[in-house]
Amino acid sequence: MEELVRTIAKSLVDEPDSVEVRTVESGDDVTIELRVSDNDMGKVIGKQGRIAKAMRTVVKAVATRENKRVSVDILQ
């Protein structure tokens, strides 16, 4: 799932080398933390959060198959 988020984020931003993805697990809960440059933050979030919501939906669909609860946090 981490690689999926990294691939999606890198395809959206102007500075793909600045994309950082980290996974934090606690039991069945998984948090994927995504960091991008300040200039690319709007591209990852999208208008009214549509791109971020779509990214979270895709990740949750993959997580459901693995019986895990996943959240994607976009950090500055």
Foldseek 3Di string as FASTA:
>chain_A
DQVLVLVVLLVQFPDSVQWDWDWDDDPLEIEIEIEHDPVCPCSCQDVVRPNVVVSQVVVCVVSVVVVGHYDYHYDD
